[in-house]
Full PDB file with SEQRES, HELIX, SHEET, SSBOND, CRYST1, ORIGX, SCALE, CONECT and MASTER records, all heavy atoms in Angstrom:
SEQRES   1 A   30  ASP TYR GLU ASP GLU LYS PHE VAL THR LEU ILE GLU LEU          
SEQRES   2 A   30  LEU GLU GLU ASN ASN LYS LEU GLN ASN SER ILE TYR THR          
SEQRES   3 A   30  GLN LEU TYR ASN                                              
HELIX    1 AA1 GLU A    5  LEU A   20  1                                  16    
HELIX    2 AA2 ILE A   24  TYR A   29  1                                   6    
CRYST1    1.000    1.000    1.000  90.00  90.00  90.00 P 1           1          
ORIGX1      1.000000  0.000000  0.000000        0.00000                         
ORIGX2      0.000000  1.000000  0.000000        0.00000                         
ORIGX3      0.000000  0.000000  1.000000        0.00000                         
SCALE1      1.000000  0.000000  0.000000        0.00000                         
SCALE2      0.000000  1.000000  0.000000        0.00000                         
SCALE3      0.000000  0.000000  1.000000        0.00000                         
ATOM      1  N   ASP A   1     -80.994  22.940 -43.889  1.00  0.00           N  
ATOM      2  CA  ASP A   1     -82.311  22.324 -43.904  1.00  0.00           C  
ATOM      3  C   ASP A   1     -82.219  21.107 -44.831  1.00  0.00           C  
ATOM      4  O   ASP A   1     -81.530  21.161 -45.851  1.00  0.00           O  
ATOM      5  CB  ASP A   1     -83.346  23.331 -44.437  1.00  0.00           C  
ATOM      6  CG  ASP A   1     -84.740  22.779 -44.366  1.00  0.00           C  
ATOM      7  OD1 ASP A   1     -85.328  22.777 -43.266  1.00  0.00           O  
ATOM      8  OD2 ASP A   1     -85.235  22.339 -45.421  1.00  0.00           O  
ATOM      9  N   TYR A   2     -82.905  20.042 -44.480  1.00  0.00           N  
ATOM     10  CA  TYR A   2     -82.820  18.823 -45.284  1.00  0.00           C  
ATOM     11  C   TYR A   2     -83.331  19.018 -46.703  1.00  0.00           C  
ATOM     12  O   TYR A   2     -83.004  18.246 -47.597  1.00  0.00           O  
ATOM     13  CB  TYR A   2     -83.572  17.672 -44.613  1.00  0.00           C  
ATOM     14  CG  TYR A   2     -82.868  17.156 -43.381  1.00  0.00           C  
ATOM     15  CD1 TYR A   2     -83.492  17.196 -42.145  1.00  0.00           C  
ATOM     16  CD2 TYR A   2     -81.584  16.646 -43.451  1.00  0.00           C  
ATOM     17  CE1 TYR A   2     -82.846  16.733 -41.009  1.00  0.00           C  
ATOM     18  CE2 TYR A   2     -80.930  16.192 -42.328  1.00  0.00           C  
ATOM     19  CZ  TYR A   2     -81.570  16.236 -41.105  1.00  0.00           C  
ATOM     20  OH  TYR A   2     -80.931  15.794 -39.996  1.00  0.00           O  
ATOM     21  N   GLU A   3     -84.131  20.033 -46.919  1.00  0.00           N  
ATOM     22  CA  GLU A   3     -84.663  20.322 -48.250  1.00  0.00           C  
ATOM     23  C   GLU A   3     -83.861  21.417 -48.954  1.00  0.00           C  
ATOM     24  O   GLU A   3     -84.182  21.775 -50.086  1.00  0.00           O  
ATOM     25  CB  GLU A   3     -86.136  20.759 -48.143  1.00  0.00           C  
ATOM     26  CG  GLU A   3     -87.020  19.794 -47.379  1.00  0.00           C  
ATOM     27  CD  GLU A   3     -87.038  18.395 -47.960  1.00  0.00           C  
ATOM     28  OE1 GLU A   3     -87.069  18.262 -49.203  1.00  0.00           O  
ATOM     29  OE2 GLU A   3     -87.014  17.433 -47.172  1.00  0.00           O  
ATOM     30  N   ASP A   4     -82.828  21.963 -48.300  1.00  0.00           N  
ATOM     31  CA  ASP A   4     -82.017  23.021 -48.883  1.00  0.00           C  
ATOM     32  C   ASP A   4     -81.422  22.544 -50.205  1.00  0.00           C  
ATOM     33  O   ASP A   4     -80.770  21.498 -50.267  1.00  0.00           O  
ATOM     34  CB  ASP A   4     -80.898  23.413 -47.913  1.00  0.00           C  
ATOM     35  CG  ASP A   4     -80.098  24.599 -48.387  1.00  0.00           C  
ATOM     36  OD1 ASP A   4     -79.451  24.501 -49.448  1.00  0.00           O  
ATOM     37  OD2 ASP A   4     -80.117  25.630 -47.697  1.00  0.00           O  
ATOM     38  N   GLU A   5     -81.643  23.334 -51.237  1.00  0.00           N  
ATOM     39  CA  GLU A   5     -81.225  22.939 -52.586  1.00  0.00           C  
ATOM     40  C   GLU A   5     -79.708  22.752 -52.685  1.00  0.00           C  
ATOM     41  O   GLU A   5     -79.227  21.798 -53.301  1.00  0.00           O  
ATOM     42  CB  GLU A   5     -81.689  23.996 -53.588  1.00  0.00           C  
ATOM     43  CG  GLU A   5     -81.620  23.560 -55.018  1.00  0.00           C  
ATOM     44  CD  GLU A   5     -82.227  24.576 -55.964  1.00  0.00           C  
ATOM     45  OE1 GLU A   5     -83.320  25.080 -55.671  1.00  0.00           O  
ATOM     46  OE2 GLU A   5     -81.582  24.858 -56.992  1.00  0.00           O  
ATOM     47  N   LYS A   6     -78.933  23.660 -52.069  1.00  0.00           N  
ATOM     48  CA  LYS A   6     -77.470  23.554 -52.116  1.00  0.00           C  
ATOM     49  C   LYS A   6     -76.998  22.288 -51.403  1.00  0.00           C  
ATOM     50  O   LYS A   6     -76.114  21.581 -51.886  1.00  0.00           O  
ATOM     51  CB  LYS A   6     -76.818  24.779 -51.474  1.00  0.00           C  
ATOM     52  CG  LYS A   6     -76.959  26.046 -52.270  1.00  0.00           C  
ATOM     53  CD  LYS A   6     -76.140  27.171 -51.685  1.00  0.00           C  
ATOM     54  CE  LYS A   6     -76.703  27.598 -50.357  1.00  0.00           C  
ATOM     55  NZ  LYS A   6     -76.049  28.780 -49.792  1.00  0.00           N  
ATOM     56  N   PHE A   7     -77.610  22.006 -50.252  1.00  0.00           N  
ATOM     57  CA  PHE A   7     -77.235  20.831 -49.462  1.00  0.00           C  
ATOM     58  C   PHE A   7     -77.556  19.552 -50.219  1.00  0.00           C  
ATOM     59  O   PHE A   7     -76.720  18.646 -50.319  1.00  0.00           O  
ATOM     60  CB  PHE A   7     -77.959  20.875 -48.119  1.00  0.00           C  
ATOM     61  CG  PHE A   7     -77.676  19.721 -47.210  1.00  0.00           C  
ATOM     62  CD1 PHE A   7     -76.408  19.514 -46.690  1.00  0.00           C  
ATOM     63  CD2 PHE A   7     -78.684  18.830 -46.857  1.00  0.00           C  
ATOM     64  CE1 PHE A   7     -76.142  18.463 -45.841  1.00  0.00           C  
ATOM     65  CE2 PHE A   7     -78.425  17.771 -46.013  1.00  0.00           C  
ATOM     66  CZ  PHE A   7     -77.158  17.591 -45.500  1.00  0.00           C  
ATOM     67  N   VAL A   8     -78.752  19.467 -50.779  1.00  0.00           N  
ATOM     68  CA  VAL A   8     -79.163  18.276 -51.529  1.00  0.00           C  
ATOM     69  C   VAL A   8     -78.275  18.087 -52.754  1.00  0.00           C  
ATOM     70  O   VAL A   8     -77.834  16.970 -53.056  1.00  0.00           O  
ATOM     71  CB  VAL A   8     -80.656  18.370 -51.926  1.00  0.00           C  
ATOM     72  CG1 VAL A   8     -81.044  17.262 -52.873  1.00  0.00           C  
ATOM     73  CG2 VAL A   8     -81.534  18.346 -50.684  1.00  0.00           C  
ATOM     74  N   THR A   9     -77.965  19.185 -53.450  1.00  0.00           N  
ATOM     75  CA  THR A   9     -77.091  19.108 -54.622  1.00  0.00           C  
ATOM     76  C   THR A   9     -75.703  18.628 -54.238  1.00  0.00           C  
ATOM     77  O   THR A   9     -75.115  17.787 -54.926  1.00  0.00           O  
ATOM     78  CB  THR A   9     -77.001  20.489 -55.319  1.00  0.00           C  
ATOM     79  OG1 THR A   9     -78.313  20.898 -55.685  1.00  0.00           O  
ATOM     80  CG2 THR A   9     -76.123  20.438 -56.543  1.00  0.00           C  
ATOM     81  N   LEU A  10     -75.177  19.145 -53.140  1.00  0.00           N  
ATOM     82  CA  LEU A  10     -73.859  18.732 -52.665  1.00  0.00           C  
ATOM     83  C   LEU A  10     -73.828  17.228 -52.406  1.00  0.00           C  
ATOM     84  O   LEU A  10     -72.922  16.529 -52.865  1.00  0.00           O  
ATOM     85  CB  LEU A  10     -73.494  19.501 -51.391  1.00  0.00           C  
ATOM     86  CG  LEU A  10     -72.188  19.128 -50.715  1.00  0.00           C  
ATOM     87  CD1 LEU A  10     -70.999  19.510 -51.575  1.00  0.00           C  
ATOM     88  CD2 LEU A  10     -72.092  19.797 -49.349  1.00  0.00           C  
ATOM     89  N   ILE A  11     -74.818  16.723 -51.722  1.00  0.00           N  
ATOM     90  CA  ILE A  11     -74.864  15.290 -51.416  1.00  0.00           C  
ATOM     91  C   ILE A  11     -75.009  14.468 -52.692  1.00  0.00           C  
ATOM     92  O   ILE A  11     -74.352  13.433 -52.854  1.00  0.00           O  
ATOM     93  CB  ILE A  11     -75.988  14.985 -50.409  1.00  0.00           C  
ATOM     94  CG1 ILE A  11     -75.614  15.569 -49.052  1.00  0.00           C  
ATOM     95  CG2 ILE A  11     -76.238  13.490 -50.293  1.00  0.00           C  
ATOM     96  CD1 ILE A  11     -76.679  15.465 -48.013  1.00  0.00           C  
ATOM     97  N   GLU A  12     -75.847  14.935 -53.617  1.00  0.00           N  
ATOM     98  CA  GLU A  12     -76.024  14.215 -54.882  1.00  0.00           C  
ATOM     99  C   GLU A  12     -74.725  14.155 -55.676  1.00  0.00           C  
ATOM    100  O   GLU A  12     -74.387  13.116 -56.243  1.00  0.00           O  
ATOM    101  CB  GLU A  12     -77.124  14.869 -55.715  1.00  0.00           C  
ATOM    102  CG  GLU A  12     -78.517  14.616 -55.184  1.00  0.00           C  
ATOM    103  CD  GLU A  12     -79.591  15.422 -55.900  1.00  0.00           C  
ATOM    104  OE1 GLU A  12     -79.244  16.258 -56.783  1.00  0.00           O  
ATOM    105  OE2 GLU A  12     -80.771  15.227 -55.581  1.00  0.00           O  
ATOM    106  N   LEU A  13     -73.991  15.271 -55.721  1.00  0.00           N  
ATOM    107  CA  LEU A  13     -72.711  15.291 -56.434  1.00  0.00           C  
ATOM    108  C   LEU A  13     -71.719  14.316 -55.815  1.00  0.00           C  
ATOM    109  O   LEU A  13     -71.030  13.569 -56.528  1.00  0.00           O  
ATOM    110  CB  LEU A  13     -72.119  16.699 -56.428  1.00  0.00           C  
ATOM    111  CG  LEU A  13     -72.820  17.753 -57.277  1.00  0.00           C  
ATOM    112  CD1 LEU A  13     -72.257  19.137 -56.985  1.00  0.00           C  
ATOM    113  CD2 LEU A  13     -72.693  17.429 -58.750  1.00  0.00           C  
ATOM    114  N   LEU A  14     -71.652  14.298 -54.494  1.00  0.00           N  
ATOM    115  CA  LEU A  14     -70.717  13.405 -53.813  1.00  0.00           C  
ATOM    116  C   LEU A  14     -71.108  11.947 -53.990  1.00  0.00           C  
ATOM    117  O   LEU A  14     -70.245  11.082 -54.180  1.00  0.00           O  
ATOM    118  CB  LEU A  14     -70.623  13.780 -52.334  1.00  0.00           C  
ATOM    119  CG  LEU A  14     -70.053  15.178 -52.051  1.00  0.00           C  
ATOM    120  CD1 LEU A  14     -70.126  15.498 -50.574  1.00  0.00           C  
ATOM    121  CD2 LEU A  14     -68.637  15.299 -52.567  1.00  0.00           C  
ATOM    122  N   GLU A  15     -72.409  11.657 -53.950  1.00  0.00           N  
ATOM    123  CA  GLU A  15     -72.863  10.284 -54.155  1.00  0.00           C  
ATOM    124  C   GLU A  15     -72.608   9.825 -55.591  1.00  0.00           C  
ATOM    125  O   GLU A  15     -72.221   8.681 -55.823  1.00  0.00           O  
ATOM    126  CB  GLU A  15     -74.340  10.142 -53.796  1.00  0.00           C  
ATOM    127  CG  GLU A  15     -74.583  10.166 -52.306  1.00  0.00           C  
ATOM    128  CD  GLU A  15     -76.064  10.044 -51.934  1.00  0.00           C  
ATOM    129  OE1 GLU A  15     -76.926  10.156 -52.831  1.00  0.00           O  
ATOM    130  OE2 GLU A  15     -76.331   9.837 -50.746  1.00  0.00           O  
ATOM    131  N   GLU A  16     -72.816  10.735 -56.553  1.00  0.00           N  
ATOM    132  CA  GLU A  16     -72.540  10.386 -57.943  1.00  0.00           C  
ATOM    133  C   GLU A  16     -71.061  10.094 -58.142  1.00  0.00           C  
ATOM    134  O   GLU A  16     -70.683   9.128 -58.805  1.00  0.00           O  
ATOM    135  CB  GLU A  16     -72.996  11.505 -58.876  1.00  0.00           C  
ATOM    136  CG  GLU A  16     -72.816  11.168 -60.346  1.00  0.00           C  
ATOM    137  CD  GLU A  16     -73.282  12.258 -61.282  1.00  0.00           C  
ATOM    138  OE1 GLU A  16     -73.659  13.354 -60.820  1.00  0.00           O  
ATOM    139  OE2 GLU A  16     -73.274  12.010 -62.507  1.00  0.00           O  
ATOM    140  N   ASN A  17     -70.206  10.926 -57.546  1.00  0.00           N  
ATOM    141  CA  ASN A  17     -68.768  10.679 -57.640  1.00  0.00           C  
ATOM    142  C   ASN A  17     -68.382   9.354 -56.998  1.00  0.00           C  
ATOM    143  O   ASN A  17     -67.496   8.658 -57.487  1.00  0.00           O  
ATOM    144  CB  ASN A  17     -67.977  11.822 -57.007  1.00  0.00           C  
ATOM    145  CG  ASN A  17     -67.760  12.961 -57.959  1.00  0.00           C  
ATOM    146  OD1 ASN A  17     -68.266  12.958 -59.071  1.00  0.00           O  
ATOM    147  ND2 ASN A  17     -67.012  13.954 -57.525  1.00  0.00           N  
ATOM    148  N   ASN A  18     -69.041   9.016 -55.915  1.00  0.00           N  
ATOM    149  CA  ASN A  18     -68.768   7.752 -55.245  1.00  0.00           C  
ATOM    150  C   ASN A  18     -69.049   6.578 -56.194  1.00  0.00           C  
ATOM    151  O   ASN A  18     -68.297   5.606 -56.237  1.00  0.00           O  
ATOM    152  CB  ASN A  18     -69.620   7.647 -53.977  1.00  0.00           C  
ATOM    153  CG  ASN A  18     -69.033   6.700 -52.977  1.00  0.00           C  
ATOM    154  OD1 ASN A  18     -67.850   6.391 -53.020  1.00  0.00           O  
ATOM    155  ND2 ASN A  18     -69.861   6.229 -52.077  1.00  0.00           N  
ATOM    156  N   LYS A  19     -70.131   6.673 -56.962  1.00  0.00           N  
ATOM    157  CA  LYS A  19     -70.464   5.624 -57.925  1.00  0.00           C  
ATOM    158  C   LYS A  19     -69.508   5.629 -59.111  1.00  0.00           C  
ATOM    159  O   LYS A  19     -69.123   4.574 -59.611  1.00  0.00           O  
ATOM    160  CB  LYS A  19     -71.905   5.795 -58.410  1.00  0.00           C  
ATOM    161  CG  LYS A  19     -72.925   5.529 -57.348  1.00  0.00           C  
ATOM    162  CD  LYS A  19     -74.322   5.825 -57.828  1.00  0.00           C  
ATOM    163  CE  LYS A  19     -75.307   5.692 -56.669  1.00  0.00           C  
ATOM    164  NZ  LYS A  19     -76.633   6.203 -57.020  1.00  0.00           N  
ATOM    165  N   LEU A  20     -69.127   6.832 -59.562  1.00  0.00           N  
ATOM    166  CA  LEU A  20     -68.240   6.946 -60.722  1.00  0.00           C  
ATOM    167  C   LEU A  20     -66.830   6.445 -60.439  1.00  0.00           C  
ATOM    168  O   LEU A  20     -66.094   6.095 -61.364  1.00  0.00           O  
ATOM    169  CB  LEU A  20     -68.185   8.401 -61.201  1.00  0.00           C  
ATOM    170  CG  LEU A  20     -69.461   8.957 -61.821  1.00  0.00           C  
ATOM    171  CD1 LEU A  20     -69.323  10.452 -62.082  1.00  0.00           C  
ATOM    172  CD2 LEU A  20     -69.809   8.217 -63.102  1.00  0.00           C  
ATOM    173  N   GLN A  21     -66.441   6.402 -59.179  1.00  0.00           N  
ATOM    174  CA  GLN A  21     -65.095   5.944 -58.830  1.00  0.00           C  
ATOM    175  C   GLN A  21     -64.859   4.495 -59.216  1.00  0.00           C  
ATOM    176  O   GLN A  21     -63.723   4.073 -59.372  1.00  0.00           O  
ATOM    177  CB  GLN A  21     -64.838   6.117 -57.335  1.00  0.00           C  
ATOM    178  CG  GLN A  21     -64.601   7.528 -56.940  1.00  0.00           C  
ATOM    179  CD  GLN A  21     -64.358   7.679 -55.452  1.00  0.00           C  
ATOM    180  OE1 GLN A  21     -64.646   6.791 -54.661  1.00  0.00           O  
ATOM    181  NE2 GLN A  21     -63.835   8.820 -55.065  1.00  0.00           N  
ATOM    182  N   ASN A  22     -65.908   3.719 -59.370  1.00  0.00           N  
ATOM    183  CA  ASN A  22     -65.761   2.300 -59.723  1.00  0.00           C  
ATOM    184  C   ASN A  22     -65.524   2.093 -61.212  1.00  0.00           C  
ATOM    185  O   ASN A  22     -65.222   0.984 -61.628  1.00  0.00           O  
ATOM    186  CB  ASN A  22     -67.000   1.523 -59.282  1.00  0.00           C  
ATOM    187  CG  ASN A  22     -67.148   1.529 -57.783  1.00  0.00           C  
ATOM    188  OD1 ASN A  22     -66.159   1.575 -57.052  1.00  0.00           O  
ATOM    189  ND2 ASN A  22     -68.386   1.509 -57.311  1.00  0.00           N  
ATOM    190  N   SER A  23     -65.654   3.144 -62.006  1.00  0.00           N  
ATOM    191  CA  SER A  23     -65.464   3.040 -63.446  1.00  0.00           C  
ATOM    192  C   SER A  23     -64.001   2.784 -63.778  1.00  0.00           C  
ATOM    193  O   SER A  23     -63.092   3.336 -63.152  1.00  0.00           O  
ATOM    194  CB  SER A  23     -65.930   4.329 -64.111  1.00  0.00           C  
ATOM    195  OG  SER A  23     -65.413   4.432 -65.415  1.00  0.00           O  
ATOM    196  N   ILE A  24     -63.761   1.968 -64.795  1.00  0.00           N  
ATOM    197  CA  ILE A  24     -62.388   1.692 -65.228  1.00  0.00           C  
ATOM    198  C   ILE A  24     -61.733   2.977 -65.741  1.00  0.00           C  
ATOM    199  O   ILE A  24     -60.543   3.199 -65.554  1.00  0.00           O  
ATOM    200  CB  ILE A  24     -62.346   0.572 -66.293  1.00  0.00           C  
ATOM    201  CG1 ILE A  24     -60.906   0.156 -66.613  1.00  0.00           C  
ATOM    202  CG2 ILE A  24     -63.049   0.992 -67.562  1.00  0.00           C  
ATOM    203  CD1 ILE A  24     -60.207  -0.561 -65.496  1.00  0.00           C  
ATOM    204  N   TYR A  25     -62.542   3.861 -66.370  1.00  0.00           N  
ATOM    205  CA  TYR A  25     -61.994   5.133 -66.855  1.00  0.00           C  
ATOM    206  C   TYR A  25     -61.480   5.987 -65.700  1.00  0.00           C  
ATOM    207  O   TYR A  25     -60.430   6.621 -65.797  1.00  0.00           O  
ATOM    208  CB  TYR A  25     -63.066   5.920 -67.621  1.00  0.00           C  
ATOM    209  CG  TYR A  25     -63.446   5.285 -68.942  1.00  0.00           C  
ATOM    210  CD1 TYR A  25     -64.609   4.530 -69.048  1.00  0.00           C  
ATOM    211  CD2 TYR A  25     -62.655   5.450 -70.065  1.00  0.00           C  
ATOM    212  CE1 TYR A  25     -64.968   3.947 -70.250  1.00  0.00           C  
ATOM    213  CE2 TYR A  25     -63.002   4.875 -71.272  1.00  0.00           C  
ATOM    214  CZ  TYR A  25     -64.161   4.125 -71.357  1.00  0.00           C  
ATOM    215  OH  TYR A  25     -64.509   3.557 -72.552  1.00  0.00           O  
ATOM    216  N   THR A  26     -62.215   6.009 -64.621  1.00  0.00           N  
ATOM    217  CA  THR A  26     -61.805   6.796 -63.461  1.00  0.00           C  
ATOM    218  C   THR A  26     -60.547   6.207 -62.844  1.00  0.00           C  
ATOM    219  O   THR A  26     -59.644   6.939 -62.442  1.00  0.00           O  
ATOM    220  CB  THR A  26     -62.937   6.849 -62.424  1.00  0.00           C  
ATOM    221  OG1 THR A  26     -64.107   7.371 -63.059  1.00  0.00           O  
ATOM    222  CG2 THR A  26     -62.574   7.729 -61.249  1.00  0.00           C  
ATOM    223  N   GLN A  27     -60.481   4.896 -62.809  1.00  0.00           N  
ATOM    224  CA  GLN A  27     -59.285   4.257 -62.261  1.00  0.00           C  
ATOM    225  C   GLN A  27     -58.076   4.521 -63.146  1.00  0.00           C  
ATOM    226  O   GLN A  27     -56.970   4.752 -62.652  1.00  0.00           O  
ATOM    227  CB  GLN A  27     -59.545   2.770 -62.071  1.00  0.00           C  
ATOM    228  CG  GLN A  27     -60.577   2.511 -60.992  1.00  0.00           C  
ATOM    229  CD  GLN A  27     -61.001   1.066 -60.883  1.00  0.00           C  
ATOM    230  OE1 GLN A  27     -60.340   0.175 -61.407  1.00  0.00           O  
ATOM    231  NE2 GLN A  27     -62.108   0.826 -60.205  1.00  0.00           N  
ATOM    232  N   LEU A  28     -58.292   4.502 -64.454  1.00  0.00           N  
ATOM    233  CA  LEU A  28     -57.197   4.840 -65.371  1.00  0.00           C  
ATOM    234  C   LEU A  28     -56.782   6.296 -65.219  1.00  0.00           C  
ATOM    235  O   LEU A  28     -55.604   6.633 -65.329  1.00  0.00           O  
ATOM    236  CB  LEU A  28     -57.607   4.565 -66.819  1.00  0.00           C  
ATOM    237  CG  LEU A  28     -57.629   3.109 -67.256  1.00  0.00           C  
ATOM    238  CD1 LEU A  28     -58.230   2.970 -68.650  1.00  0.00           C  
ATOM    239  CD2 LEU A  28     -56.230   2.513 -67.215  1.00  0.00           C  
ATOM    240  N   TYR A  29     -57.767   7.164 -64.980  1.00  0.00           N  
ATOM    241  CA  TYR A  29     -57.470   8.581 -64.789  1.00  0.00           C  
ATOM    242  C   TYR A  29     -56.525   8.784 -63.609  1.00  0.00           C  
ATOM    243  O   TYR A  29     -55.658   9.660 -63.647  1.00  0.00           O  
ATOM    244  CB  TYR A  29     -58.770   9.365 -64.577  1.00  0.00           C  
ATOM    245  CG  TYR A  29     -58.539  10.833 -64.371  1.00  0.00           C  
ATOM    246  CD1 TYR A  29     -58.276  11.670 -65.445  1.00  0.00           C  
ATOM    247  CD2 TYR A  29     -58.560  11.396 -63.093  1.00  0.00           C  
ATOM    248  CE1 TYR A  29     -58.047  13.021 -65.265  1.00  0.00           C  
ATOM    249  CE2 TYR A  29     -58.334  12.751 -62.909  1.00  0.00           C  
ATOM    250  CZ  TYR A  29     -58.075  13.551 -63.997  1.00  0.00           C  
ATOM    251  OH  TYR A  29     -57.836  14.882 -63.812  1.00  0.00           O  
ATOM    252  N   ASN A  30     -56.664   7.967 -62.580  1.00  0.00           N  
ATOM    253  CA  ASN A  30     -55.782   8.070 -61.418  1.00  0.00           C  
ATOM    254  C   ASN A  30     -54.338   7.730 -61.767  1.00  0.00           C  
ATOM    255  O   ASN A  30     -53.408   8.225 -61.131  1.00  0.00           O  
ATOM    256  CB  ASN A  30     -56.271   7.176 -60.282  1.00  0.00           C  
ATOM    257  CG  ASN A  30     -57.528   7.706 -59.639  1.00  0.00           C  
ATOM    258  OD1 ASN A  30     -57.743   8.907 -59.591  1.00  0.00           O  
ATOM    259  ND2 ASN A  30     -58.367   6.811 -59.159  1.00  0.00           N  
TER     260      ASN A  30                                                      
MASTER        0    0    0    2    0    0    0    6  259    1    0    3          
END                                                                             
């Protein structure tokens, strides 16, 4: 369901990671 808490949380986590990938720290971590 579009309002399902697990589903919304999953998408939020993935979107946050997508933004964090641009950080120099994340690139150094790689």
